[in-house]
C-alpha atoms as a PDB file:
ATOM      1  CA  LYS A   1     136.866 263.982  59.336  1.00  0.00           C
ATOM      2  CA  ILE A   2     136.771 267.331  61.396  1.00  0.00           C
ATOM      3  CA  LEU A   3     138.839 268.765  59.199  1.00  0.00           C
ATOM      4  CA  PRO A   4     138.671 267.817  55.691  1.00  0.00           C
ATOM      5  CA  TRP A   5     141.385 267.836  53.468  1.00  0.00           C
ATOM      6  CA  THR A   6     141.108 271.218  51.811  1.00  0.00           C
ATOM      7  CA  PRO A   7     140.937 272.620  48.861  1.00  0.00           C
ATOM      8  CA  VAL A   8     141.083 268.841  47.781  1.00  0.00           C
ATOM      9  CA  GLU A   9     138.033 267.510  49.767  1.00  0.00           C
ATOM     10  CA  GLY A  10     134.784 269.324  49.367  1.00  0.00           C
ATOM     11  CA  TRP A  11     132.744 268.242  52.124  1.00  0.00           C
ATOM     12  CA  SER A  12     131.870 269.561  55.254  1.00  0.00           C
ATOM     13  CA  PRO A  13     133.375 269.154  58.883  1.00  0.00           C
ATOM     14  CA  GLY A  14     132.739 267.140  61.517  1.00  0.00           C
ATOM     15  CA  SER A  15     131.741 268.464  64.463  1.00  0.00           C
ATOM     16  CA  THR A  16     133.198 265.598  67.574  1.00  0.00           C
ATOM     17  CA  THR A  17     135.440 262.829  67.859  1.00  0.00           C
ATOM     18  CA  PHE A  18     134.167 259.222  68.862  1.00  0.00           C
ATOM     19  CA  VAL A  19     135.746 256.725  71.130  1.00  0.00           C
ATOM     20  CA  SER A  20     134.177 253.305  71.328  1.00  0.00           C
ATOM     21  CA  GLU A  21     134.809 249.931  73.286  1.00  0.00           C
ATOM     22  CA  GLY A  22     137.208 247.615  71.422  1.00  0.00           C
ATOM     23  CA  PRO A  23     138.322 244.209  71.645  1.00  0.00           C
ATOM     24  CA  LYS A  24     138.704 243.230  75.212  1.00  0.00           C
ATOM     25  CA  GLY A  25     137.364 246.370  76.164  1.00  0.00           C
ATOM     26  CA  MET A  26     139.767 248.534  75.057  1.00  0.00           C
ATOM     27  CA  LYS A  27     139.026 252.136  74.136  1.00  0.00           C
ATOM     28  CA  VAL A  28     139.550 253.200  70.503  1.00  0.00           C
ATOM     29  CA  SER A  29     138.900 255.951  68.351  1.00  0.00           C
ATOM     30  CA  MET A  30     139.873 256.750  64.901  1.00  0.00           C
ATOM     31  CA  ILE A  31     141.290 259.828  63.204  1.00  0.00           C
ATOM     32  CA  ILE A  32     141.250 260.012  59.497  1.00  0.00           C
ATOM     33  CA  CYS A  33     144.381 261.104  57.332  1.00  0.00           C
ATOM     34  CA  ASP A  34     144.620 264.795  57.522  1.00  0.00           C
ATOM     35  CA  ASP A  35     142.691 265.346  60.643  1.00  0.00           C
ATOM     36  CA  GLY A  36     146.080 263.340  62.416  1.00  0.00           C
ATOM     37  CA  ASN A  37     148.024 266.627  61.630  1.00  0.00           C
ATOM     38  CA  TYR A  38     146.036 268.568  64.575  1.00  0.00           C
ATOM     39  CA  PRO A  39     147.351 268.254  67.906  1.00  0.00           C
ATOM     40  CA  GLU A  40     143.888 269.104  69.587  1.00  0.00           C
ATOM     41  CA  ILE A  41     142.112 265.989  67.824  1.00  0.00           C
ATOM     42  CA  TRP A  42     144.328 263.891  69.441  1.00  0.00           C
ATOM     43  CA  ARG A  43     143.701 264.936  72.704  1.00  0.00           C
ATOM     44  CA  ASP A  44     140.146 265.180  72.794  1.00  0.00           C
ATOM     45  CA  CYS A  45     140.414 261.282  71.799  1.00  0.00           C
ATOM     46  CA  ALA A  46     142.693 261.053  74.832  1.00  0.00           C
ATOM     47  CA  MET A  47     140.976 262.714  77.040  1.00  0.00           C
ATOM     48  CA  LYS A  48     137.760 261.091  75.956  1.00  0.00           C
ATOM     49  CA  GLY A  49     139.797 257.617  77.067  1.00  0.00           C
ATOM     50  CA  ALA A  50     141.009 256.327  73.708  1.00  0.00           C
ATOM     51  CA  GLU A  51     143.750 253.846  74.384  1.00  0.00           C
ATOM     52  CA  LEU A  52     144.480 252.801  70.838  1.00  0.00           C
ATOM     53  CA  ILE A  53     143.857 255.321  67.951  1.00  0.00           C
ATOM     54  CA  ILE A  54     143.810 254.085  64.661  1.00  0.00           C
ATOM     55  CA  ARG A  55     144.903 256.438  61.594  1.00  0.00           C
ATOM     56  CA  PRO A  56     144.068 255.403  57.909  1.00  0.00           C
ATOM     57  CA  GLN A  57     145.727 257.908  55.937  1.00  0.00           C
ATOM     58  CA  GLY A  58     146.496 258.208  52.182  1.00  0.00           C
ATOM     59  CA  TYR A  59     150.118 259.987  52.656  1.00  0.00           C
ATOM     60  CA  MET A  60     152.548 260.517  49.612  1.00  0.00           C
ATOM     61  CA  TYR A  61     155.748 261.611  49.049  1.00  0.00           C
ATOM     62  CA  PRO A  62     157.554 264.311  50.286  1.00  0.00           C
ATOM     63  CA  ALA A  63     155.831 263.955  53.488  1.00  0.00           C
ATOM     64  CA  LYS A  64     157.267 260.926  54.995  1.00  0.00           C
ATOM     65  CA  ASP A  65     159.422 261.764  57.545  1.00  0.00           C
ATOM     66  CA  GLN A  66     156.880 264.534  59.269  1.00  0.00           C
ATOM     67  CA  GLN A  67     153.845 261.704  59.093  1.00  0.00           C
ATOM     68  CA  VAL A  68     156.095 258.788  60.758  1.00  0.00           C
ATOM     69  CA  GLN A  69     157.079 261.626  63.496  1.00  0.00           C
ATOM     70  CA  VAL A  70     153.359 263.016  63.903  1.00  0.00           C
ATOM     71  CA  SER A  71     152.397 259.511  64.806  1.00  0.00           C
ATOM     72  CA  LYS A  72     155.153 258.991  67.555  1.00  0.00           C
ATOM     73  CA  THR A  73     155.038 262.111  68.986  1.00  0.00           C
ATOM     74  CA  MET A  74     151.062 262.392  69.462  1.00  0.00           C
ATOM     75  CA  ALA A  75     151.104 258.499  70.571  1.00  0.00           C
ATOM     76  CA  TRP A  76     153.565 259.931  73.264  1.00  0.00           C
ATOM     77  CA  CYS A  77     152.232 263.410  74.071  1.00  0.00           C
ATOM     78  CA  ASN A  78     148.792 261.388  74.664  1.00  0.00           C
ATOM     79  CA  GLN A  79     149.715 258.098  76.264  1.00  0.00           C
ATOM     80  CA  VAL A  80     147.665 256.347  73.612  1.00  0.00           C
ATOM     81  CA  TYR A  81     148.670 253.225  71.023  1.00  0.00           C
ATOM     82  CA  VAL A  82     148.685 254.125  67.440  1.00  0.00           C
ATOM     83  CA  ALA A  83     148.038 251.902  64.514  1.00  0.00           C
ATOM     84  CA  VAL A  84     148.623 253.815  61.142  1.00  0.00           C
ATOM     85  CA  ALA A  85     147.320 252.146  58.059  1.00  0.00           C
ATOM     86  CA  ASN A  86     148.690 254.277  55.090  1.00  0.00           C
ATOM     87  CA  ALA A  87     148.746 253.635  51.371  1.00  0.00           C
ATOM     88  CA  SER A  88     151.517 252.242  49.377  1.00  0.00           C
ATOM     89  CA  GLY A  89     152.273 252.159  45.586  1.00  0.00           C
ATOM     90  CA  PHE A  90     151.201 254.568  42.770  1.00  0.00           C
ATOM     91  CA  ASP A  91     147.722 255.205  41.649  1.00  0.00           C
ATOM     92  CA  GLY A  92     148.447 257.381  38.458  1.00  0.00           C
ATOM     93  CA  VAL A  93     149.025 260.301  40.362  1.00  0.00           C
ATOM     94  CA  TYR A  94     150.461 260.034  43.701  1.00  0.00           C
ATOM     95  CA  THR A  95     153.039 257.752  45.270  1.00  0.00           C
ATOM     96  CA  TYR A  96     152.217 256.918  48.595  1.00  0.00           C
ATOM     97  CA  PHE A  97     155.167 255.885  50.938  1.00  0.00           C
ATOM     98  CA  GLY A  98     153.444 252.946  52.685  1.00  0.00           C
ATOM     99  CA  HIS A  99     155.020 252.330  56.139  1.00  0.00           C
ATOM    100  CA  SER A 100     152.208 251.376  58.436  1.00  0.00           C
ATOM    101  CA  ALA A 101     153.161 250.935  61.893  1.00  0.00           C
ATOM    102  CA  ILE A 102     152.183 250.540  65.168  1.00  0.00           C
ATOM    103  CA  ILE A 103     153.516 252.836  67.794  1.00  0.00           C
ATOM    104  CA  GLY A 104     153.409 252.276  71.595  1.00  0.00           C
ATOM    105  CA  ALA A 105     152.018 254.663  74.010  1.00  0.00           C
ATOM    106  CA  ASP A 106     155.558 255.723  74.879  1.00  0.00           C
ATOM    107  CA  GLY A 107     156.280 256.661  71.170  1.00  0.00           C
ATOM    108  CA  ARG A 108     158.227 253.772  70.282  1.00  0.00           C
ATOM    109  CA  THR A 109     157.815 251.704  67.103  1.00  0.00           C
ATOM    110  CA  LEU A 110     156.392 248.263  67.746  1.00  0.00           C
ATOM    111  CA  GLY A 111     155.826 246.953  64.263  1.00  0.00           C
ATOM    112  CA  GLU A 112     156.424 248.959  60.761  1.00  0.00           C
ATOM    113  CA  CYS A 113     155.917 247.915  57.465  1.00  0.00           C
ATOM    114  CA  GLY A 114     157.904 248.932  54.691  1.00  0.00           C
ATOM    115  CA  THR A 115     156.757 250.542  50.842  1.00  0.00           C
ATOM    116  CA  GLU A 116     155.353 247.148  49.930  1.00  0.00           C
ATOM    117  CA  ASP A 117     151.836 246.779  48.767  1.00  0.00           C
ATOM    118  CA  ASN A 118     149.696 244.486  51.506  1.00  0.00           C
ATOM    119  CA  GLY A 119     152.161 244.645  54.145  1.00  0.00           C
ATOM    120  CA  ILE A 120     151.010 243.100  57.583  1.00  0.00           C
ATOM    121  CA  GLN A 121     152.311 244.114  60.836  1.00  0.00           C
ATOM    122  CA  TYR A 122     151.188 243.141  64.716  1.00  0.00           C
ATOM    123  CA  ALA A 123     152.148 243.973  68.146  1.00  0.00           C
ATOM    124  CA  GLN A 124     151.040 243.173  71.568  1.00  0.00           C
ATOM    125  CA  LEU A 125     149.048 246.053  73.145  1.00  0.00           C
ATOM    126  CA  SER A 126     148.092 245.891  76.897  1.00  0.00           C
ATOM    127  CA  ILE A 127     145.380 247.182  78.244  1.00  0.00           C
ATOM    128  CA  SER A 128     146.396 246.959  81.788  1.00  0.00           C
ATOM    129  CA  GLN A 129     150.098 248.574  81.242  1.00  0.00           C
ATOM    130  CA  ILE A 130     148.505 252.191  79.301  1.00  0.00           C
ATOM    131  CA  ARG A 131     145.834 251.952  82.471  1.00  0.00           C
ATOM    132  CA  ASP A 132     148.531 251.849  85.085  1.00  0.00           C
ATOM    133  CA  ALA A 133     150.753 254.163  83.233  1.00  0.00           C
ATOM    134  CA  ARG A 134     148.289 256.547  83.031  1.00  0.00           C
ATOM    135  CA  ALA A 135     147.029 256.380  86.766  1.00  0.00           C
ATOM    136  CA  ASN A 136     150.650 256.257  88.060  1.00  0.00           C
ATOM    137  CA  ASP A 137     153.271 257.788  85.978  1.00  0.00           C
ATOM    138  CA  GLN A 138     154.328 261.300  86.851  1.00  0.00           C
ATOM    139  CA  SER A 139     156.575 263.116  85.037  1.00  0.00           C
ATOM    140  CA  GLN A 140     155.404 261.629  81.565  1.00  0.00           C
ATOM    141  CA  ASN A 141     151.884 262.005  82.460  1.00  0.00           C
ATOM    142  CA  GLN A 142     151.009 264.855  79.827  1.00  0.00           C
ATOM    143  CA  LEU A 143     147.237 263.914  80.176  1.00  0.00           C
ATOM    144  CA  PHE A 144     147.233 264.604  83.780  1.00  0.00           C
ATOM    145  CA  LYS A 145     149.402 267.450  84.410  1.00  0.00           C
ATOM    146  CA  LEU A 146     147.756 269.567  81.546  1.00  0.00           C
ATOM    147  CA  THR A 147     144.791 270.089  83.820  1.00  0.00           C
ATOM    148  CA  HIS A 148     147.009 269.964  87.088  1.00  0.00           C
ATOM    149  CA  ARG A 149     149.248 272.483  86.227  1.00  0.00           C
ATOM    150  CA  GLY A 150     152.048 272.881  88.567  1.00  0.00           C
ATOM    151  CA  TYR A 151     150.740 270.645  91.464  1.00  0.00           C
ATOM    152  CA  THR A 152     153.559 269.985  93.156  1.00  0.00           C
ATOM    153  CA  GLY A 153     154.409 273.577  93.818  1.00  0.00           C
ATOM    154  CA  VAL A 154     150.510 274.412  94.597  1.00  0.00           C
ATOM    155  CA  TYR A 155     150.768 271.354  96.971  1.00  0.00           C
ATOM    156  CA  ALA A 156     154.113 272.646  98.502  1.00  0.00           C
ATOM    157  CA  ASN A 157     152.825 276.164  98.986  1.00  0.00           C
ATOM    158  CA  GLY A 158     149.419 275.009 100.782  1.00  0.00           C
ATOM    159  CA  ASP A 159     147.542 276.002  98.258  1.00  0.00           C
ATOM    160  CA  GLY A 160     145.804 272.621  97.365  1.00  0.00           C
ATOM    161  CA  ASP A 161     146.396 268.803  95.893  1.00  0.00           C
ATOM    162  CA  LYS A 162     145.075 269.215  92.657  1.00  0.00           C
ATOM    163  CA  GLY A 163     147.164 271.922  91.025  1.00  0.00           C
ATOM    164  CA  VAL A 164     145.780 274.801  88.488  1.00  0.00           C
ATOM    165  CA  ALA A 165     143.296 273.632  86.391  1.00  0.00           C
ATOM    166  CA  GLU A 166     142.137 276.830  84.522  1.00  0.00           C
ATOM    167  CA  CYS A 167     143.351 276.832  80.919  1.00  0.00           C
ATOM    168  CA  PRO A 168     146.122 278.977  80.462  1.00  0.00           C
ATOM    169  CA  PHE A 169     146.039 279.239  76.721  1.00  0.00           C
ATOM    170  CA  ASP A 170     144.556 282.518  75.477  1.00  0.00           C
ATOM    171  CA  PHE A 171     143.785 281.316  71.844  1.00  0.00           C
ATOM    172  CA  TYR A 172     141.577 278.285  73.258  1.00  0.00           C
ATOM    173  CA  LYS A 173     139.978 280.598  75.556  1.00  0.00           C
ATOM    174  CA  THR A 174     139.094 282.657  72.507  1.00  0.00           C
ATOM    175  CA  TRP A 175     137.880 279.790  70.616  1.00  0.00           C
ATOM    176  CA  VAL A 176     135.635 278.650  72.856  1.00  0.00           C
ATOM    177  CA  THR A 177     133.885 281.974  73.808  1.00  0.00           C
ATOM    178  CA  ASN A 178     134.303 283.893  70.585  1.00  0.00           C
ATOM    179  CA  PRO A 179     134.837 281.594  67.313  1.00  0.00           C
ATOM    180  CA  LYS A 180     134.671 284.366  64.904  1.00  0.00           C
ATOM    181  CA  LEU A 181     137.583 286.352  66.920  1.00  0.00           C
ATOM    182  CA  ALA A 182     139.626 283.111  67.012  1.00  0.00           C
ATOM    183  CA  GLN A 183     139.175 282.744  63.263  1.00  0.00           C
ATOM    184  CA  GLU A 184     140.587 286.749  62.982  1.00  0.00           C
ATOM    185  CA  MET A 185     143.348 285.620  65.031  1.00  0.00           C
ATOM    186  CA  SER A 186     144.159 282.852  62.717  1.00  0.00           C
ATOM    187  CA  GLU A 187     143.852 285.018  59.783  1.00  0.00           C
ATOM    188  CA  THR A 188     146.311 287.643  61.074  1.00  0.00           C
ATOM    189  CA  VAL A 189     149.234 284.862  61.220  1.00  0.00           C
ATOM    190  CA  THR A 190     148.235 283.041  58.272  1.00  0.00           C
ATOM    191  CA  ARG A 191     145.617 284.505  55.203  1.00  0.00           C
ATOM    192  CA  ARG A 192     142.446 286.118  55.351  1.00  0.00           C
ATOM    193  CA  THR A 193     141.159 284.309  52.247  1.00  0.00           C
ATOM    194  CA  ILE A 194     140.095 280.640  51.687  1.00  0.00           C
ATOM    195  CA  GLY A 195     141.907 280.195  48.118  1.00  0.00           C
ATOM    196  CA  VAL A 196     140.604 277.310  46.219  1.00  0.00           C
ATOM    197  CA  ALA A 197     142.306 275.105  43.631  1.00  0.00           C
END
């Protein structure tokens, strides 16, 4: 995990995402539980070529609606299939909401379990369809448009045929060039101490 669920999970954070070749050549990545709440991790996996992101998680009530929506939104924003395996039932402390699901790259649910234990769901995933969408989609091609900003206007103005590549986000530029300053920026809008349980 890149971002352990603090203050509960007391291990050190990871430092990178991974993409591997899966069945039939599909590019597969994994985002574990709380890591899925950070859009940067999804985007990193997608930009490394992930076509399917598997998200094992143990989420409990009252976060059901938010967690279902996060997976659907991140699938659409990153043109990836998402397979969520969520815990279900009661473990003596928490009540897990289940609803494991398979989400299409367009954000639509392809299959979803309920709250039952050991639920099984399946869906057909198309490698050619996701690769075609990434290569040919226009207005819904977030991965391309992010690094080719405003290409229509840039091309029409005769200023090139690729759009603007530079990162426009001050926070991310700061995070890369000066991580301590980015940490301070975060603290000005959140809190200054780590706070532990």
